[in-house]
Amino acid sequence: MPTVIVYWSPGRTPEQKAATIRGITDTLVSEAGARREDVLVIFQNIAPGDFGRGGIVPDPVNAHSQNENIPSDNAVERETTQT
């Protein structure tokens, strides 16, 4: 059973999550031969203050103003596609 865990910042709408699930599922079915009913997509929100990068834990109150310390969805995407 293909399982995909998506780590991202909170704030996505149910519609965005549904579209993401459809896109990931469609890709695994068409490109990897997975059975649609076997694809599991799990969302894990990473809230400000629940991570650290480079030994630094950003202040959760000011985390949104410290964008360089917040894991971006693109950074996570790059990490998962390189493995």
Protein backbone atom coordinates (compact mmCIF):
# COMPACT_ATOMS: atom_id res chain seq x y z
CA MET A 1 0.00 0.00 0.00
CA PRO A 2 1.63 3.27 -1.05
CA THR A 3 1.57 5.72 1.84
CA VAL A 4 2.47 9.37 1.32
CA ILE A 5 2.92 11.72 4.27
CA VAL A 6 2.71 15.40 3.40
CA TYR A 7 4.42 17.73 5.90
CA TRP A 8 3.31 21.31 5.51
CA SER A 9 2.28 24.46 7.35
CA PRO A 10 -1.29 24.64 8.69
CA GLY A 11 -3.99 26.59 6.91
CA ARG A 12 -5.00 24.51 3.89
CA THR A 13 -8.69 24.33 3.05
CA PRO A 14 -10.54 21.02 2.71
CA GLU A 15 -10.70 21.71 -1.03
CA GLN A 16 -6.92 22.11 -1.25
CA LYS A 17 -6.41 18.88 0.70
CA ALA A 18 -8.86 17.01 -1.54
CA ALA A 19 -7.12 18.30 -4.68
CA THR A 20 -3.74 17.27 -3.27
CA ILE A 21 -5.02 13.78 -2.44
CA ARG A 22 -6.44 13.40 -5.96
CA GLY A 23 -3.20 14.58 -7.57
CA ILE A 24 -0.95 12.31 -5.53
CA THR A 25 -3.28 9.35 -6.04
CA ASP A 26 -3.56 9.94 -9.78
CA THR A 27 0.23 10.14 -10.10
CA LEU A 28 0.85 6.92 -8.16
CA VAL A 29 -1.79 5.10 -10.19
CA SER A 30 -0.57 6.31 -13.59
CA GLU A 31 3.19 6.41 -12.98
CA ALA A 32 3.78 3.65 -10.43
CA GLY A 33 0.98 1.21 -11.19
CA ALA A 34 -0.56 1.52 -7.72
CA ARG A 35 -4.15 0.49 -7.17
CA ARG A 36 -6.24 3.60 -6.48
CA GLU A 37 -7.92 2.04 -3.45
CA ASP A 38 -4.53 1.27 -1.88
CA VAL A 39 -3.12 4.82 -1.95
CA LEU A 40 -3.10 6.47 1.50
CA VAL A 41 -2.28 10.17 1.86
CA ILE A 42 -1.69 11.60 5.35
CA PHE A 43 -1.33 15.30 6.14
CA GLN A 44 0.91 16.35 9.02
CA ASN A 45 0.83 20.04 9.88
CA ILE A 46 4.03 21.55 11.20
CA ALA A 47 3.01 24.39 13.49
CA PRO A 48 5.32 27.27 14.38
CA GLY A 49 7.46 26.19 17.33
CA ASP A 50 7.18 22.48 16.49
CA PHE A 51 10.42 22.28 14.53
CA GLY A 52 13.97 23.50 14.45
CA ARG A 53 16.43 23.96 11.63
CA GLY A 54 20.17 24.32 11.88
CA GLY A 55 20.02 24.08 15.67
CA ILE A 56 17.60 27.00 15.90
CA VAL A 57 14.05 26.79 17.22
CA PRO A 58 12.15 29.87 16.06
CA ASP A 59 9.97 31.81 18.45
CA PRO A 60 6.40 30.57 17.73
CA VAL A 61 4.98 34.06 18.30
CA ASN A 62 7.23 35.58 15.62
CA ALA A 63 7.68 32.51 13.44
CA HIS A 64 5.72 33.92 10.52
CA SER A 65 8.07 36.90 10.37
CA GLN A 66 11.06 34.54 10.42
CA ASN A 67 10.28 32.90 7.07
CA GLU A 68 13.83 31.68 6.60
CA ASN A 69 13.37 29.41 9.62
CA ILE A 70 9.99 27.96 8.64
CA PRO A 71 10.12 24.78 6.59
CA SER A 72 8.56 25.67 3.27
CA ASP A 73 6.42 23.24 1.36
CA ASN A 74 8.86 23.57 -1.55
CA ALA A 75 11.78 22.57 0.66
CA VAL A 76 9.94 19.48 1.82
CA GLU A 77 8.98 18.68 -1.77
CA ARG A 78 12.63 18.96 -2.86
CA GLU A 79 13.75 16.65 -0.06
CA THR A 80 11.17 13.97 -0.88
CA THR A 81 11.80 14.03 -4.63
CA GLN A 82 15.55 13.66 -4.18
CA THR A 83 15.29 10.40 -2.23
